[in-house]
Protein backbone atom coordinates (compact mmCIF):
# COMPACT_ATOMS: atom_id res chain seq x y z
CA UNK A 1 0.00 0.00 0.00
CA UNK A 2 1.64 3.28 1.13
CA UNK A 3 4.57 4.12 3.38
CA UNK A 4 4.17 7.62 4.82
CA UNK A 5 6.90 9.07 7.03
CA UNK A 6 7.05 12.13 9.25
CA UNK A 7 10.23 14.08 9.86
CA UNK A 8 11.39 17.21 11.66
CA UNK A 9 13.54 18.36 14.52
CA UNK A 10 12.46 17.40 18.02
CA UNK A 11 9.60 19.67 19.03
CA UNK A 12 8.31 20.23 15.50
CA UNK A 13 4.95 18.56 16.13
CA UNK A 14 5.49 15.72 13.65
CA UNK A 15 4.42 13.00 16.10
CA UNK A 16 1.09 14.72 16.68
CA UNK A 17 0.46 14.88 12.94
CA UNK A 18 1.43 11.23 12.46
CA UNK A 19 -1.09 10.22 15.12
CA UNK A 20 -3.83 12.42 13.68
CA UNK A 21 -3.32 11.01 10.20
CA UNK A 22 -3.51 7.47 11.54
CA UNK A 23 -6.79 8.32 13.27
CA UNK A 24 -8.25 9.88 10.12
CA UNK A 25 -7.31 6.96 7.91
CA UNK A 26 -8.88 4.52 10.35
CA UNK A 27 -12.03 6.62 10.40
CA UNK A 28 -12.13 6.35 6.60
CA UNK A 29 -11.93 2.56 6.81
CA UNK A 30 -8.27 1.99 5.97
CA UNK A 31 -6.14 -0.52 7.82
CA UNK A 32 -3.05 1.20 9.16
CA UNK A 33 0.14 0.60 11.09
CA UNK A 34 1.58 3.49 13.12
CA UNK A 35 5.14 3.00 14.32
CA UNK A 36 7.93 5.16 15.68
CA UNK A 37 11.67 5.18 15.27
CA UNK A 38 13.56 3.90 16.98
CA UNK A 39 11.05 1.36 18.21
CA UNK A 40 8.10 -0.63 17.01
CA UNK A 41 9.46 -4.08 17.86
CA UNK A 42 10.72 -5.67 21.08
CA UNK A 43 14.31 -5.46 19.81
CA UNK A 44 13.97 -1.91 18.49
CA UNK A 45 12.39 -0.64 21.71
CA UNK A 46 15.37 -1.98 23.66
CA UNK A 47 17.69 -0.18 21.27
CA UNK A 48 15.62 2.97 21.81
CA UNK A 49 16.20 2.73 25.55
CA UNK A 50 19.95 2.59 24.97
CA UNK A 51 19.97 5.49 22.53
CA UNK A 52 17.94 7.81 24.76
CA UNK A 53 19.64 6.92 28.06
CA UNK A 54 21.38 10.13 29.25
CA UNK A 55 23.77 8.13 31.43
CA UNK A 56 25.40 6.47 28.40
CA UNK A 57 28.20 7.91 26.29
CA UNK A 58 27.32 6.56 22.84
CA UNK A 59 29.88 7.31 20.14
CA UNK A 60 28.46 8.95 16.97
CA UNK A 61 29.11 6.05 14.60
CA UNK A 62 27.82 3.56 17.17
CA UNK A 63 24.72 5.75 17.43
CA UNK A 64 24.20 5.59 13.66
CA UNK A 65 24.56 1.81 13.67
CA UNK A 66 22.12 1.39 16.55
CA UNK A 67 19.45 3.52 14.87
CA UNK A 68 19.95 1.57 11.66
CA UNK A 69 19.82 -1.80 13.42
CA UNK A 70 16.50 -0.83 15.01
CA UNK A 71 15.24 0.28 11.58
CA UNK A 72 16.29 -2.94 9.87
CA UNK A 73 14.39 -4.97 12.46
CA UNK A 74 11.33 -2.73 12.20
CA UNK A 75 11.22 -2.97 8.40
CA UNK A 76 11.63 -6.75 8.37
CA UNK A 77 9.32 -7.55 11.26
CA UNK A 78 6.51 -5.03 10.87
CA UNK A 79 6.66 -2.49 8.04
CA UNK A 80 7.21 -4.76 5.06
CA UNK A 81 4.67 -7.39 6.18
CA UNK A 82 2.09 -4.63 6.74
CA UNK A 83 2.67 -3.17 3.28
CA UNK A 84 2.41 -6.62 1.71
CA UNK A 85 -0.91 -7.09 3.52
CA UNK A 86 -2.24 -3.90 1.94
CA UNK A 87 -2.03 -1.68 5.02
CA UNK A 88 -0.96 1.96 5.09
CA UNK A 89 2.15 2.38 7.22
CA UNK A 90 2.81 5.66 9.02
CA UNK A 91 6.28 5.96 10.47
CA UNK A 92 7.27 8.67 12.95
CA UNK A 93 10.84 9.11 11.63
CA UNK A 94 12.64 6.97 9.09
CA UNK A 95 16.05 7.06 7.45
CA UNK A 96 15.95 10.81 6.72
CA UNK A 97 16.36 11.27 10.46
CA UNK A 98 19.63 9.37 10.37
CA UNK A 99 20.89 11.50 7.48
CA UNK A 100 19.97 14.68 9.36
CA UNK A 101 20.85 13.74 12.94
CA UNK A 102 23.79 11.40 12.65
CA UNK A 103 25.02 12.40 9.21
CA UNK A 104 24.88 16.17 9.63
CA UNK A 105 24.24 16.69 13.32
CA UNK A 106 26.98 14.33 14.49
CA UNK A 107 29.09 14.69 11.36
CA UNK A 108 29.38 10.92 10.94
CA UNK A 109 29.05 10.45 7.17
CA UNK A 110 28.27 12.18 3.89
CA UNK A 111 24.75 12.02 2.40
CA UNK A 112 25.86 9.93 -0.60
CA UNK A 113 27.36 7.24 1.64
CA UNK A 114 24.29 7.28 3.85
CA UNK A 115 21.92 6.97 0.91
CA UNK A 116 23.60 3.74 -0.17
CA UNK A 117 23.71 2.51 3.42
CA UNK A 118 20.00 3.22 3.95
CA UNK A 119 19.13 1.11 0.91
CA UNK A 120 20.95 -1.85 2.43
CA UNK A 121 19.36 -1.34 5.84
CA UNK A 122 15.80 -1.17 4.47
CA UNK A 123 16.14 -3.53 1.52
CA UNK A 124 15.54 -0.63 -0.92
CA UNK A 125 12.33 0.38 0.81
CA UNK A 126 11.57 4.07 0.20
CA UNK A 127 8.71 6.19 1.56
CA UNK A 128 5.94 7.10 -0.86
CA UNK A 129 5.70 10.47 0.87
CA UNK A 130 7.63 12.22 3.63
CA UNK A 131 6.08 15.10 5.55
CA UNK A 132 8.76 17.42 6.89
CA UNK A 133 7.33 19.63 9.64
CA UNK A 134 9.56 22.68 9.99
CA UNK A 135 9.77 25.09 12.92
CA UNK A 136 12.41 27.54 14.06
CA UNK A 137 14.86 26.40 16.71
CA UNK A 138 13.48 28.64 19.46
CA UNK A 139 9.96 27.28 19.01
CA UNK A 140 11.22 23.70 18.99
CA UNK A 141 13.30 24.24 22.12
CA UNK A 142 10.38 25.86 23.92
CA UNK A 143 8.22 22.86 23.11
CA UNK A 144 10.92 20.40 24.19
CA UNK A 145 11.44 22.26 27.46
CA UNK A 146 7.70 22.15 28.13
CA UNK A 147 7.86 18.37 27.76
CA UNK A 148 10.87 18.04 30.08
CA UNK A 149 12.88 16.58 27.20
CA UNK A 150 16.19 17.47 28.86
CA UNK A 151 16.28 13.98 30.35
CA UNK A 152 16.45 12.54 26.82
CA UNK A 153 20.03 12.09 25.57
CA UNK A 154 19.15 12.97 21.96
CA UNK A 155 16.86 15.90 22.68
CA UNK A 156 19.34 17.46 25.11
CA UNK A 157 21.73 18.38 22.27
CA UNK A 158 22.69 22.04 21.90
CA UNK A 159 21.50 24.67 19.39
CA UNK A 160 24.46 24.22 17.01
CA UNK A 161 23.54 20.56 16.66
CA UNK A 162 19.93 21.39 15.80
CA UNK A 163 21.02 24.06 13.33
CA UNK A 164 22.98 21.41 11.42
CA UNK A 165 20.03 19.03 11.58
CA UNK A 166 17.63 21.67 10.29
CA UNK A 167 19.92 22.56 7.38
CA UNK A 168 20.27 18.88 6.50
CA UNK A 169 16.50 18.46 6.40
CA UNK A 170 16.21 21.48 4.10
CA UNK A 171 18.87 20.01 1.82
CA UNK A 172 17.03 16.69 1.71
CA UNK A 173 13.79 18.44 0.77
CA UNK A 174 15.52 20.26 -2.07
CA UNK A 175 17.14 17.05 -3.30
CA UNK A 176 13.89 15.02 -3.18
CA UNK A 177 11.02 17.42 -3.95
CA UNK A 178 8.91 14.62 -5.45
CA UNK A 179 8.88 12.75 -2.13
CA UNK A 180 9.31 15.32 0.63
CA UNK A 181 6.58 17.86 1.40
CA UNK A 182 7.70 20.79 3.53
CA UNK A 183 5.12 21.99 6.07
CA UNK A 184 5.09 25.11 8.22
CA UNK A 185 5.06 23.82 11.78
CA UNK A 186 3.97 27.23 13.10
CA UNK A 187 0.52 26.72 11.59
CA UNK A 188 -2.23 25.38 13.79
CA UNK A 189 -2.52 21.65 14.39
CA UNK A 190 -5.81 21.55 12.50
CA UNK A 191 -4.44 23.49 9.52
CA UNK A 192 -1.50 21.11 9.21
CA UNK A 193 -3.77 18.11 9.58
CA UNK A 194 -5.98 19.33 6.75
CA UNK A 195 -3.03 20.01 4.44
CA UNK A 196 -1.58 16.56 5.04
CA UNK A 197 -4.95 14.90 4.52
CA UNK A 198 -5.46 16.61 1.17
CA UNK A 199 -2.11 15.28 -0.03
CA UNK A 200 -2.78 11.78 1.30
CA UNK A 201 -6.10 11.69 -0.55
CA UNK A 202 -4.24 12.31 -3.81
CA UNK A 203 -1.82 9.50 -3.02
CA UNK A 204 -4.65 7.12 -2.22
CA UNK A 205 -6.50 7.95 -5.42
CA UNK A 206 -3.34 7.29 -7.41
CA UNK A 207 -2.59 4.11 -5.48
CA UNK A 208 -5.87 2.23 -5.74
CA UNK A 209 -8.24 4.39 -7.74
CA UNK A 210 -10.56 4.79 -4.76
CA UNK A 211 -12.07 8.26 -4.79
CA UNK A 212 -12.44 9.47 -1.24
CA UNK A 213 -12.55 13.19 -1.94
CA UNK A 214 -16.15 13.38 -0.83
CA UNK A 215 -15.71 11.27 2.30
CA UNK A 216 -15.83 13.23 5.49
CA UNK A 217 -14.66 16.76 6.06
CA UNK A 218 -11.16 18.02 6.51
C-alpha atoms as a PDB file:
ATOM      1  CA  UNK A   1       0.000   0.000   0.000  1.00  0.00           C
ATOM      2  CA  UNK A   2       1.639   3.279   1.134  1.00  0.00           C
ATOM      3  CA  UNK A   3       4.574   4.119   3.383  1.00  0.00           C
ATOM      4  CA  UNK A   4       4.171   7.619   4.817  1.00  0.00           C
ATOM      5  CA  UNK A   5       6.895   9.070   7.031  1.00  0.00           C
ATOM      6  CA  UNK A   6       7.047  12.129   9.252  1.00  0.00           C
ATOM      7  CA  UNK A   7      10.234  14.077   9.858  1.00  0.00           C
ATOM      8  CA  UNK A   8      11.386  17.209  11.657  1.00  0.00           C
ATOM      9  CA  UNK A   9      13.539  18.359  14.519  1.00  0.00           C
ATOM     10  CA  UNK A  10      12.457  17.403  18.016  1.00  0.00           C
ATOM     11  CA  UNK A  11       9.602  19.674  19.031  1.00  0.00           C
ATOM     12  CA  UNK A  12       8.308  20.227  15.504  1.00  0.00           C
ATOM     13  CA  UNK A  13       4.949  18.558  16.132  1.00  0.00           C
ATOM     14  CA  UNK A  14       5.495  15.718  13.647  1.00  0.00           C
ATOM     15  CA  UNK A  15       4.421  13.003  16.104  1.00  0.00           C
ATOM     16  CA  UNK A  16       1.091  14.719  16.683  1.00  0.00           C
ATOM     17  CA  UNK A  17       0.462  14.882  12.944  1.00  0.00           C
ATOM     18  CA  UNK A  18       1.430  11.233  12.458  1.00  0.00           C
ATOM     19  CA  UNK A  19      -1.091  10.225  15.118  1.00  0.00           C
ATOM     20  CA  UNK A  20      -3.825  12.422  13.677  1.00  0.00           C
ATOM     21  CA  UNK A  21      -3.317  11.013  10.197  1.00  0.00           C
ATOM     22  CA  UNK A  22      -3.505   7.474  11.537  1.00  0.00           C
ATOM     23  CA  UNK A  23      -6.789   8.318  13.267  1.00  0.00           C
ATOM     24  CA  UNK A  24      -8.252   9.883  10.122  1.00  0.00           C
ATOM     25  CA  UNK A  25      -7.305   6.959   7.909  1.00  0.00           C
ATOM     26  CA  UNK A  26      -8.881   4.520  10.349  1.00  0.00           C
ATOM     27  CA  UNK A  27     -12.034   6.623  10.398  1.00  0.00           C
ATOM     28  CA  UNK A  28     -12.131   6.351   6.597  1.00  0.00           C
ATOM     29  CA  UNK A  29     -11.933   2.560   6.806  1.00  0.00           C
ATOM     30  CA  UNK A  30      -8.267   1.989   5.975  1.00  0.00           C
ATOM     31  CA  UNK A  31      -6.135  -0.524   7.818  1.00  0.00           C
ATOM     32  CA  UNK A  32      -3.046   1.197   9.162  1.00  0.00           C
ATOM     33  CA  UNK A  33       0.138   0.604  11.095  1.00  0.00           C
ATOM     34  CA  UNK A  34       1.584   3.490  13.119  1.00  0.00           C
ATOM     35  CA  UNK A  35       5.142   3.005  14.323  1.00  0.00           C
ATOM     36  CA  UNK A  36       7.926   5.163  15.679  1.00  0.00           C
ATOM     37  CA  UNK A  37      11.672   5.180  15.267  1.00  0.00           C
ATOM     38  CA  UNK A  38      13.565   3.895  16.976  1.00  0.00           C
ATOM     39  CA  UNK A  39      11.051   1.362  18.214  1.00  0.00           C
ATOM     40  CA  UNK A  40       8.100  -0.628  17.007  1.00  0.00           C
ATOM     41  CA  UNK A  41       9.461  -4.084  17.858  1.00  0.00           C
ATOM     42  CA  UNK A  42      10.721  -5.667  21.075  1.00  0.00           C
ATOM     43  CA  UNK A  43      14.312  -5.458  19.808  1.00  0.00           C
ATOM     44  CA  UNK A  44      13.966  -1.906  18.488  1.00  0.00           C
ATOM     45  CA  UNK A  45      12.395  -0.639  21.710  1.00  0.00           C
ATOM     46  CA  UNK A  46      15.367  -1.982  23.665  1.00  0.00           C
ATOM     47  CA  UNK A  47      17.690  -0.183  21.271  1.00  0.00           C
ATOM     48  CA  UNK A  48      15.621   2.971  21.811  1.00  0.00           C
ATOM     49  CA  UNK A  49      16.203   2.735  25.551  1.00  0.00           C
ATOM     50  CA  UNK A  50      19.954   2.586  24.969  1.00  0.00           C
ATOM     51  CA  UNK A  51      19.974   5.493  22.531  1.00  0.00           C
ATOM     52  CA  UNK A  52      17.942   7.812  24.762  1.00  0.00           C
ATOM     53  CA  UNK A  53      19.645   6.920  28.058  1.00  0.00           C
ATOM     54  CA  UNK A  54      21.381  10.133  29.246  1.00  0.00           C
ATOM     55  CA  UNK A  55      23.770   8.133  31.434  1.00  0.00           C
ATOM     56  CA  UNK A  56      25.402   6.472  28.403  1.00  0.00           C
ATOM     57  CA  UNK A  57      28.196   7.908  26.286  1.00  0.00           C
ATOM     58  CA  UNK A  58      27.315   6.561  22.836  1.00  0.00           C
ATOM     59  CA  UNK A  59      29.884   7.313  20.139  1.00  0.00           C
ATOM     60  CA  UNK A  60      28.458   8.948  16.974  1.00  0.00           C
ATOM     61  CA  UNK A  61      29.108   6.050  14.604  1.00  0.00           C
ATOM     62  CA  UNK A  62      27.818   3.557  17.166  1.00  0.00           C
ATOM     63  CA  UNK A  63      24.719   5.751  17.428  1.00  0.00           C
ATOM     64  CA  UNK A  64      24.198   5.587  13.662  1.00  0.00           C
ATOM     65  CA  UNK A  65      24.555   1.812  13.666  1.00  0.00           C
ATOM     66  CA  UNK A  66      22.120   1.394  16.553  1.00  0.00           C
ATOM     67  CA  UNK A  67      19.453   3.520  14.870  1.00  0.00           C
ATOM     68  CA  UNK A  68      19.947   1.565  11.660  1.00  0.00           C
ATOM     69  CA  UNK A  69      19.818  -1.798  13.420  1.00  0.00           C
ATOM     70  CA  UNK A  70      16.501  -0.833  15.014  1.00  0.00           C
ATOM     71  CA  UNK A  71      15.237   0.280  11.582  1.00  0.00           C
ATOM     72  CA  UNK A  72      16.290  -2.939   9.873  1.00  0.00           C
ATOM     73  CA  UNK A  73      14.385  -4.967  12.455  1.00  0.00           C
ATOM     74  CA  UNK A  74      11.326  -2.732  12.201  1.00  0.00           C
ATOM     75  CA  UNK A  75      11.221  -2.974   8.404  1.00  0.00           C
ATOM     76  CA  UNK A  76      11.634  -6.746   8.367  1.00  0.00           C
ATOM     77  CA  UNK A  77       9.316  -7.549  11.257  1.00  0.00           C
ATOM     78  CA  UNK A  78       6.511  -5.029  10.869  1.00  0.00           C
ATOM     79  CA  UNK A  79       6.663  -2.489   8.037  1.00  0.00           C
ATOM     80  CA  UNK A  80       7.211  -4.760   5.058  1.00  0.00           C
ATOM     81  CA  UNK A  81       4.669  -7.390   6.182  1.00  0.00           C
ATOM     82  CA  UNK A  82       2.087  -4.632   6.743  1.00  0.00           C
ATOM     83  CA  UNK A  83       2.671  -3.173   3.277  1.00  0.00           C
ATOM     84  CA  UNK A  84       2.410  -6.616   1.706  1.00  0.00           C
ATOM     85  CA  UNK A  85      -0.911  -7.090   3.516  1.00  0.00           C
ATOM     86  CA  UNK A  86      -2.239  -3.896   1.940  1.00  0.00           C
ATOM     87  CA  UNK A  87      -2.033  -1.678   5.016  1.00  0.00           C
ATOM     88  CA  UNK A  88      -0.958   1.964   5.095  1.00  0.00           C
ATOM     89  CA  UNK A  89       2.154   2.382   7.218  1.00  0.00           C
ATOM     90  CA  UNK A  90       2.813   5.657   9.024  1.00  0.00           C
ATOM     91  CA  UNK A  91       6.279   5.964  10.469  1.00  0.00           C
ATOM     92  CA  UNK A  92       7.268   8.668  12.951  1.00  0.00           C
ATOM     93  CA  UNK A  93      10.842   9.114  11.628  1.00  0.00           C
ATOM     94  CA  UNK A  94      12.641   6.967   9.087  1.00  0.00           C
ATOM     95  CA  UNK A  95      16.051   7.062   7.451  1.00  0.00           C
ATOM     96  CA  UNK A  96      15.952  10.806   6.715  1.00  0.00           C
ATOM     97  CA  UNK A  97      16.362  11.270  10.463  1.00  0.00           C
ATOM     98  CA  UNK A  98      19.634   9.367  10.370  1.00  0.00           C
ATOM     99  CA  UNK A  99      20.891  11.495   7.483  1.00  0.00           C
ATOM    100  CA  UNK A 100      19.975  14.678   9.360  1.00  0.00           C
ATOM    101  CA  UNK A 101      20.848  13.741  12.936  1.00  0.00           C
ATOM    102  CA  UNK A 102      23.790  11.398  12.652  1.00  0.00           C
ATOM    103  CA  UNK A 103      25.020  12.400   9.205  1.00  0.00           C
ATOM    104  CA  UNK A 104      24.878  16.172   9.625  1.00  0.00           C
ATOM    105  CA  UNK A 105      24.237  16.693  13.322  1.00  0.00           C
ATOM    106  CA  UNK A 106      26.980  14.330  14.494  1.00  0.00           C
ATOM    107  CA  UNK A 107      29.090  14.690  11.356  1.00  0.00           C
ATOM    108  CA  UNK A 108      29.384  10.916  10.939  1.00  0.00           C
ATOM    109  CA  UNK A 109      29.046  10.449   7.171  1.00  0.00           C
ATOM    110  CA  UNK A 110      28.271  12.184   3.894  1.00  0.00           C
ATOM    111  CA  UNK A 111      24.750  12.016   2.405  1.00  0.00           C
ATOM    112  CA  UNK A 112      25.864   9.932  -0.604  1.00  0.00           C
ATOM    113  CA  UNK A 113      27.358   7.236   1.637  1.00  0.00           C
ATOM    114  CA  UNK A 114      24.289   7.275   3.851  1.00  0.00           C
ATOM    115  CA  UNK A 115      21.921   6.969   0.910  1.00  0.00           C
ATOM    116  CA  UNK A 116      23.601   3.741  -0.166  1.00  0.00           C
ATOM    117  CA  UNK A 117      23.706   2.512   3.423  1.00  0.00           C
ATOM    118  CA  UNK A 118      19.996   3.216   3.951  1.00  0.00           C
ATOM    119  CA  UNK A 119      19.131   1.105   0.911  1.00  0.00           C
ATOM    120  CA  UNK A 120      20.949  -1.845   2.433  1.00  0.00           C
ATOM    121  CA  UNK A 121      19.358  -1.344   5.844  1.00  0.00           C
ATOM    122  CA  UNK A 122      15.805  -1.168   4.475  1.00  0.00           C
ATOM    123  CA  UNK A 123      16.139  -3.531   1.518  1.00  0.00           C
ATOM    124  CA  UNK A 124      15.545  -0.630  -0.920  1.00  0.00           C
ATOM    125  CA  UNK A 125      12.328   0.384   0.812  1.00  0.00           C
ATOM    126  CA  UNK A 126      11.570   4.070   0.197  1.00  0.00           C
ATOM    127  CA  UNK A 127       8.708   6.186   1.565  1.00  0.00           C
ATOM    128  CA  UNK A 128       5.944   7.105  -0.858  1.00  0.00           C
ATOM    129  CA  UNK A 129       5.704  10.472   0.873  1.00  0.00           C
ATOM    130  CA  UNK A 130       7.628  12.218   3.631  1.00  0.00           C
ATOM    131  CA  UNK A 131       6.075  15.100   5.554  1.00  0.00           C
ATOM    132  CA  UNK A 132       8.758  17.416   6.890  1.00  0.00           C
ATOM    133  CA  UNK A 133       7.334  19.630   9.638  1.00  0.00           C
ATOM    134  CA  UNK A 134       9.560  22.678   9.986  1.00  0.00           C
ATOM    135  CA  UNK A 135       9.767  25.093  12.915  1.00  0.00           C
ATOM    136  CA  UNK A 136      12.414  27.543  14.061  1.00  0.00           C
ATOM    137  CA  UNK A 137      14.863  26.401  16.709  1.00  0.00           C
ATOM    138  CA  UNK A 138      13.480  28.637  19.457  1.00  0.00           C
ATOM    139  CA  UNK A 139       9.962  27.277  19.008  1.00  0.00           C
ATOM    140  CA  UNK A 140      11.225  23.696  18.988  1.00  0.00           C
ATOM    141  CA  UNK A 141      13.300  24.241  22.124  1.00  0.00           C
ATOM    142  CA  UNK A 142      10.381  25.864  23.923  1.00  0.00           C
ATOM    143  CA  UNK A 143       8.217  22.857  23.105  1.00  0.00           C
ATOM    144  CA  UNK A 144      10.916  20.404  24.190  1.00  0.00           C
ATOM    145  CA  UNK A 145      11.437  22.263  27.462  1.00  0.00           C
ATOM    146  CA  UNK A 146       7.700  22.149  28.125  1.00  0.00           C
ATOM    147  CA  UNK A 147       7.856  18.365  27.760  1.00  0.00           C
ATOM    148  CA  UNK A 148      10.875  18.036  30.085  1.00  0.00           C
ATOM    149  CA  UNK A 149      12.877  16.583  27.199  1.00  0.00           C
ATOM    150  CA  UNK A 150      16.188  17.473  28.862  1.00  0.00           C
ATOM    151  CA  UNK A 151      16.281  13.980  30.351  1.00  0.00           C
ATOM    152  CA  UNK A 152      16.449  12.542  26.819  1.00  0.00           C
ATOM    153  CA  UNK A 153      20.026  12.088  25.567  1.00  0.00           C
ATOM    154  CA  UNK A 154      19.151  12.967  21.963  1.00  0.00           C
ATOM    155  CA  UNK A 155      16.860  15.899  22.678  1.00  0.00           C
ATOM    156  CA  UNK A 156      19.341  17.462  25.115  1.00  0.00           C
ATOM    157  CA  UNK A 157      21.734  18.381  22.269  1.00  0.00           C
ATOM    158  CA  UNK A 158      22.690  22.037  21.903  1.00  0.00           C
ATOM    159  CA  UNK A 159      21.504  24.669  19.393  1.00  0.00           C
ATOM    160  CA  UNK A 160      24.460  24.221  17.008  1.00  0.00           C
ATOM    161  CA  UNK A 161      23.541  20.561  16.655  1.00  0.00           C
ATOM    162  CA  UNK A 162      19.932  21.387  15.795  1.00  0.00           C
ATOM    163  CA  UNK A 163      21.020  24.058  13.330  1.00  0.00           C
ATOM    164  CA  UNK A 164      22.978  21.413  11.422  1.00  0.00           C
ATOM    165  CA  UNK A 165      20.032  19.027  11.583  1.00  0.00           C
ATOM    166  CA  UNK A 166      17.632  21.673  10.290  1.00  0.00           C
ATOM    167  CA  UNK A 167      19.917  22.555   7.376  1.00  0.00           C
ATOM    168  CA  UNK A 168      20.270  18.882   6.501  1.00  0.00           C
ATOM    169  CA  UNK A 169      16.496  18.457   6.400  1.00  0.00           C
ATOM    170  CA  UNK A 170      16.205  21.478   4.099  1.00  0.00           C
ATOM    171  CA  UNK A 171      18.873  20.006   1.822  1.00  0.00           C
ATOM    172  CA  UNK A 172      17.028  16.694   1.706  1.00  0.00           C
ATOM    173  CA  UNK A 173      13.790  18.445   0.768  1.00  0.00           C
ATOM    174  CA  UNK A 174      15.520  20.265  -2.073  1.00  0.00           C
ATOM    175  CA  UNK A 175      17.137  17.049  -3.295  1.00  0.00           C
ATOM    176  CA  UNK A 176      13.891  15.019  -3.176  1.00  0.00           C
ATOM    177  CA  UNK A 177      11.017  17.418  -3.948  1.00  0.00           C
ATOM    178  CA  UNK A 178       8.914  14.622  -5.453  1.00  0.00           C
ATOM    179  CA  UNK A 179       8.884  12.753  -2.130  1.00  0.00           C
ATOM    180  CA  UNK A 180       9.308  15.319   0.634  1.00  0.00           C
ATOM    181  CA  UNK A 181       6.578  17.859   1.397  1.00  0.00           C
ATOM    182  CA  UNK A 182       7.699  20.793   3.526  1.00  0.00           C
ATOM    183  CA  UNK A 183       5.117  21.989   6.074  1.00  0.00           C
ATOM    184  CA  UNK A 184       5.089  25.108   8.217  1.00  0.00           C
ATOM    185  CA  UNK A 185       5.059  23.815  11.781  1.00  0.00           C
ATOM    186  CA  UNK A 186       3.970  27.226  13.099  1.00  0.00           C
ATOM    187  CA  UNK A 187       0.525  26.717  11.589  1.00  0.00           C
ATOM    188  CA  UNK A 188      -2.233  25.378  13.792  1.00  0.00           C
ATOM    189  CA  UNK A 189      -2.521  21.649  14.387  1.00  0.00           C
ATOM    190  CA  UNK A 190      -5.813  21.553  12.498  1.00  0.00           C
ATOM    191  CA  UNK A 191      -4.441  23.487   9.518  1.00  0.00           C
ATOM    192  CA  UNK A 192      -1.500  21.108   9.213  1.00  0.00           C
ATOM    193  CA  UNK A 193      -3.774  18.112   9.583  1.00  0.00           C
ATOM    194  CA  UNK A 194      -5.982  19.332   6.746  1.00  0.00           C
ATOM    195  CA  UNK A 195      -3.028  20.011   4.443  1.00  0.00           C
ATOM    196  CA  UNK A 196      -1.580  16.565   5.042  1.00  0.00           C
ATOM    197  CA  UNK A 197      -4.946  14.901   4.521  1.00  0.00           C
ATOM    198  CA  UNK A 198      -5.459  16.607   1.166  1.00  0.00           C
ATOM    199  CA  UNK A 199      -2.107  15.275  -0.030  1.00  0.00           C
ATOM    200  CA  UNK A 200      -2.785  11.781   1.304  1.00  0.00           C
ATOM    201  CA  UNK A 201      -6.100  11.689  -0.551  1.00  0.00           C
ATOM    202  CA  UNK A 202      -4.242  12.311  -3.810  1.00  0.00           C
ATOM    203  CA  UNK A 203      -1.818   9.496  -3.022  1.00  0.00           C
ATOM    204  CA  UNK A 204      -4.654   7.117  -2.216  1.00  0.00           C
ATOM    205  CA  UNK A 205      -6.504   7.946  -5.423  1.00  0.00           C
ATOM    206  CA  UNK A 206      -3.341   7.286  -7.412  1.00  0.00           C
ATOM    207  CA  UNK A 207      -2.595   4.107  -5.481  1.00  0.00           C
ATOM    208  CA  UNK A 208      -5.865   2.229  -5.740  1.00  0.00           C
ATOM    209  CA  UNK A 209      -8.240   4.395  -7.736  1.00  0.00           C
ATOM    210  CA  UNK A 210     -10.559   4.787  -4.757  1.00  0.00           C
ATOM    211  CA  UNK A 211     -12.066   8.263  -4.794  1.00  0.00           C
ATOM    212  CA  UNK A 212     -12.444   9.468  -1.244  1.00  0.00           C
ATOM    213  CA  UNK A 213     -12.546  13.188  -1.939  1.00  0.00           C
ATOM    214  CA  UNK A 214     -16.147  13.378  -0.828  1.00  0.00           C
ATOM    215  CA  UNK A 215     -15.714  11.270   2.301  1.00  0.00           C
ATOM    216  CA  UNK A 216     -15.831  13.232   5.486  1.00  0.00           C
ATOM    217  CA  UNK A 217     -14.662  16.761   6.065  1.00  0.00           C
ATOM    218  CA  UNK A 218     -11.157  18.022   6.510  1.00  0.00           C
END
